[in-house]
Protein backbone atom coordinates (compact mmCIF):
# COMPACT_ATOMS: atom_id res chain seq x y z
CA MET A 1 39.36 154.17 -79.98
CA GLY A 2 35.72 154.11 -79.00
CA LYS A 3 33.76 154.91 -75.89
CA LEU A 4 30.36 154.02 -74.45
CA VAL A 5 27.90 156.55 -73.06
CA VAL A 6 25.41 154.87 -70.70
CA SER A 7 22.11 156.66 -70.12
CA LEU A 8 18.75 156.03 -68.45
CA ASP A 9 15.64 158.03 -69.39
CA GLY A 10 17.84 160.50 -71.28
CA VAL A 11 20.19 161.12 -68.33
CA VAL A 12 23.84 160.14 -68.84
CA ILE A 13 24.99 157.86 -66.01
CA LYS A 14 28.55 157.07 -67.03
CA GLU A 15 31.05 157.16 -69.87
CA VAL A 16 33.43 154.25 -70.42
CA GLN A 17 36.53 154.38 -72.63
CA LEU A 18 37.18 151.10 -74.45
CA THR A 19 40.83 150.27 -73.86
CA LYS A 20 40.76 146.50 -73.18
CA ASP A 21 40.55 143.65 -75.67
CA LYS A 22 37.43 142.43 -73.85
CA THR A 23 35.00 144.54 -71.84
CA THR A 24 32.23 142.74 -69.96
CA LEU A 25 28.83 144.22 -69.17
CA GLY A 26 26.34 142.93 -66.62
CA ARG A 27 24.69 143.19 -63.21
CA ARG A 28 27.40 141.36 -61.22
CA PRO A 29 30.03 143.61 -59.57
CA TYR A 30 33.00 141.88 -61.27
CA ASN A 31 31.96 143.17 -64.72
CA ASP A 32 33.91 146.02 -66.32
CA ILE A 33 30.62 147.89 -66.84
CA VAL A 34 28.18 147.25 -63.98
CA ILE A 35 24.49 148.04 -64.45
CA ASP A 36 22.71 147.17 -61.22
CA ASN A 37 19.23 146.49 -62.56
CA LEU A 38 17.13 143.31 -62.57
CA ALA A 39 16.52 143.66 -66.33
CA VAL A 40 20.26 143.15 -66.83
CA SER A 41 21.67 139.63 -66.54
CA GLY A 42 24.62 138.88 -64.26
CA GLU A 43 26.83 138.43 -67.33
CA HIS A 44 24.83 140.16 -70.03
CA ALA A 45 27.17 140.99 -72.93
CA VAL A 46 30.82 141.35 -73.89
CA LEU A 47 32.53 143.90 -76.14
CA GLN A 48 35.60 142.69 -77.99
CA MET A 49 38.17 144.80 -79.79
CA VAL A 50 39.67 143.29 -82.95
CA GLY A 51 42.19 145.84 -84.15
CA ALA A 52 40.21 149.02 -84.75
CA ASP A 53 36.88 147.16 -84.79
CA VAL A 54 34.56 146.66 -81.80
CA PHE A 55 32.12 143.76 -81.67
CA ILE A 56 29.36 143.23 -79.10
CA GLU A 57 28.07 139.77 -78.27
CA ASP A 58 25.03 138.87 -76.17
CA LEU A 59 25.89 136.18 -73.59
CA ASN A 60 22.53 134.38 -73.74
CA SER A 61 21.01 137.05 -71.50
CA THR A 62 17.46 136.75 -70.22
CA ASN A 63 16.12 139.94 -71.81
CA GLY A 64 18.43 140.15 -74.82
CA THR A 65 20.67 142.81 -76.31
CA TYR A 66 19.37 145.23 -78.93
CA ILE A 67 21.15 147.55 -81.35
CA ASN A 68 19.07 150.38 -82.81
CA GLY A 69 15.91 148.48 -81.84
CA LYS A 70 16.87 145.09 -83.31
CA ALA A 71 17.83 142.03 -81.28
CA ILE A 72 21.37 140.80 -81.96
CA LYS A 73 23.60 137.89 -81.02
CA LYS A 74 26.91 139.33 -82.24
CA GLN A 75 27.47 142.44 -84.29
CA LEU A 76 30.13 144.91 -85.37
CA LEU A 77 29.45 148.31 -83.80
CA ALA A 78 29.36 151.42 -85.96
CA ASN A 79 29.68 155.01 -84.82
CA ASN A 80 26.49 156.29 -83.09
CA ASP A 81 24.99 152.79 -82.70
CA VAL A 82 22.70 152.60 -79.65
CA VAL A 83 22.83 149.41 -77.60
CA GLU A 84 19.65 148.83 -75.58
CA ILE A 85 19.62 146.64 -72.48
CA GLY A 86 16.37 146.88 -70.53
CA LYS A 87 15.63 150.58 -70.10
CA TYR A 88 19.28 151.50 -70.47
CA LYS A 89 20.70 152.98 -73.65
CA ILE A 90 24.42 152.71 -74.39
CA LYS A 91 25.68 154.85 -77.26
CA PHE A 92 28.87 153.80 -79.05
CA LEU A 93 31.04 156.68 -80.22
CA LEU A 94 34.25 156.60 -82.23
CA GLU A 95 36.72 159.35 -81.39
CA GLU A 96 37.69 159.52 -85.04
CA ALA A 97 34.57 158.38 -86.85
CA GLY A 98 35.25 157.20 -90.39
CA ASP A 99 32.80 156.37 -93.14
CA TYR A 100 31.43 152.87 -93.22
CA GLU A 101 30.67 151.00 -96.40
CA LYS A 102 27.15 149.64 -96.74
CA THR A 103 26.96 145.92 -96.10
CA MET A 104 27.17 143.98 -99.34
CA ILE A 105 24.69 141.13 -98.91
CA PHE A 106 24.55 138.10 -101.15
CA LYS A 107 20.84 137.30 -101.48
CA PRO A 108 19.43 134.03 -102.82
CA GLY A 109 17.88 134.61 -106.26
CA SER A 110 16.28 131.85 -108.30
CA ALA A 111 16.26 134.02 -111.41
CA ALA A 112 19.96 134.81 -111.26
CA ALA A 113 22.15 132.85 -113.63
CA GLY A 114 25.85 132.18 -113.46
CA PRO A 115 28.20 131.39 -116.33
CA GLY A 116 26.59 129.24 -118.99
CA GLY A 117 23.08 130.19 -117.91
CA THR A 118 23.07 127.94 -114.86
CA PRO A 119 21.23 129.43 -111.83
CA SER A 120 23.91 130.74 -109.49
CA GLY A 121 21.88 130.74 -106.27
CA PHE A 122 22.77 134.38 -105.57
CA GLY A 123 21.01 137.52 -106.71
CA LEU A 124 22.88 140.74 -107.45
CA PRO A 125 23.46 142.52 -104.13
CA SER A 126 21.94 145.97 -104.00
CA ALA A 127 25.25 147.47 -102.87
CA PHE A 128 27.03 145.98 -105.89
CA GLY A 129 24.26 147.19 -108.19
CA SER A 130 24.63 150.78 -107.02
CA LEU A 131 28.41 151.03 -107.17
CA PRO A 132 30.48 151.75 -110.28
CA PRO A 133 33.36 149.48 -111.31
CA ALA A 134 36.61 150.12 -109.47
CA ALA A 135 38.95 152.65 -110.97
CA SER A 136 42.66 151.90 -111.24
CA SER A 137 43.45 154.94 -109.09
CA GLN A 138 41.78 153.37 -106.09
CA PRO A 139 44.11 151.75 -103.52
CA ALA A 140 42.25 148.43 -103.40
CA ALA A 141 39.10 146.63 -104.48
CA ILE A 142 37.37 143.28 -104.30
CA LYS A 143 36.34 141.45 -107.45
CA VAL A 144 33.44 139.00 -107.32
CA LEU A 145 34.43 135.76 -109.04
CA THR A 146 31.25 133.66 -108.77
CA GLY A 147 27.49 134.16 -108.74
CA ALA A 148 25.27 136.72 -110.40
CA ALA A 149 27.64 139.56 -109.47
CA ALA A 150 30.66 137.80 -111.06
CA GLY A 151 33.03 140.31 -112.67
CA ARG A 152 31.90 143.22 -110.52
CA GLU A 153 34.66 145.18 -108.80
CA VAL A 154 33.94 147.28 -105.73
CA ASN A 155 36.32 149.92 -104.39
CA LEU A 156 37.42 149.59 -100.77
CA THR A 157 37.40 153.30 -100.03
CA LYS A 158 35.61 153.19 -96.68
CA VAL A 159 36.98 152.26 -93.28
CA VAL A 160 34.99 149.02 -93.03
CA THR A 161 33.30 146.94 -95.72
CA THR A 162 31.19 143.97 -94.61
CA VAL A 163 30.27 141.11 -96.94
CA GLY A 164 28.18 137.95 -96.66
CA LYS A 165 24.73 136.80 -95.62
CA PRO A 166 23.50 138.02 -92.19
CA GLY A 167 22.57 135.08 -89.99
CA VAL A 168 24.67 132.71 -92.11
CA GLN A 169 28.18 134.06 -92.64
CA VAL A 170 29.49 137.62 -92.45
CA ALA A 171 33.05 138.99 -92.62
CA SER A 172 34.62 142.45 -92.66
CA ILE A 173 37.46 144.08 -94.60
CA THR A 174 39.01 146.94 -92.62
CA LYS A 175 41.23 149.63 -94.12
CA ARG A 176 44.20 150.42 -91.86
CA PRO A 177 47.42 152.42 -92.30
CA SER A 178 49.37 149.16 -92.62
CA GLY A 179 46.99 147.66 -95.18
CA TYR A 180 43.68 145.77 -95.34
CA VAL A 181 42.58 143.25 -92.72
CA PHE A 182 39.98 140.50 -93.19
CA ALA A 183 38.01 139.35 -90.10
CA HIS A 184 35.28 136.85 -89.26
CA VAL A 185 32.15 138.56 -87.89
CA GLU A 186 29.26 136.08 -87.84
CA GLY A 187 28.49 132.45 -88.63
CA ASN A 188 29.47 129.00 -87.37
CA ALA A 189 31.51 128.27 -90.50
CA ARG A 190 34.75 130.20 -90.87
CA PRO A 191 35.36 132.07 -94.14
CA MET A 192 38.14 130.80 -96.41
CA VAL A 193 41.24 132.67 -97.60
CA ASN A 194 43.10 130.98 -100.46
CA GLY A 195 41.29 127.72 -99.74
CA GLU A 196 42.18 127.64 -96.03
CA PRO A 197 39.71 128.38 -93.17
CA LEU A 198 40.39 131.59 -91.27
CA THR A 199 41.65 130.33 -87.90
CA ALA A 200 42.64 133.66 -86.31
CA GLU A 201 40.27 136.53 -85.54
CA SER A 202 41.70 138.45 -88.49
CA VAL A 203 44.36 138.21 -91.21
CA GLY A 204 46.15 140.74 -93.40
CA LEU A 205 45.17 140.62 -97.07
CA ARG A 206 47.67 140.49 -99.94
CA ASN A 207 47.14 141.25 -103.62
CA GLY A 208 45.42 138.32 -105.35
CA ASP A 209 44.09 136.64 -102.18
CA VAL A 210 40.85 134.75 -102.85
CA ILE A 211 38.14 135.02 -100.18
CA GLU A 212 35.21 132.61 -100.00
CA LEU A 213 32.16 133.02 -97.76
CA ALA A 214 28.46 132.27 -98.04
CA GLY A 215 29.25 130.26 -101.18
CA THR A 216 30.68 133.22 -103.08
CA GLN A 217 34.32 133.77 -104.09
CA MET A 218 35.93 137.22 -104.22
CA GLN A 219 39.47 138.31 -105.03
CA PHE A 220 41.30 141.06 -103.19
CA ILE A 221 43.07 143.43 -105.59
CA GLN A 222 45.69 145.80 -104.20
CA GLY A 223 46.21 148.85 -106.40
């Protein structure tokens, strides 16, 4: 599980263990984490646990919520991320920090061509370009079925792998002892699994499942 370390001007004010599915943060006294400062909205942000993952969502606060200096609406927290609200800094720490896969972003690319030479609308993601094809000894992988990266297989060796287009549609694949779990992270449209929209927060993946998000199809391959 994770915890939050709240500090002001370098001085730690409090530490909060994340044990609830939802943890609210704001100026009002009924919040789980109360920061009594005018720069903090009454209901500023909420942290939500989805399995082993922790997401933070800004609740249309007046001054915004920042992670590592960048304004966010909703984002998956990684170990050592620093949430900034006004002058307060809130560091997220995982008790058992695992490695996180780099986000694999599908970028529009007019020069990219799909099968038959037709422009695919997606350039080769940098993360795909830097990774070798999956080896059969790996426990699982995802295979890109459409777009410029079609045919590429990427090993799922890290704790969390995120895929999609930030600001449009993003999802995560989390490695757990019981298997791999697919979850919606960002975007109004829900990702598809085997042609059906993902209705729950997350779903377990099975060998051969086809994922579709941001206009790209990928297949989950269980070793």
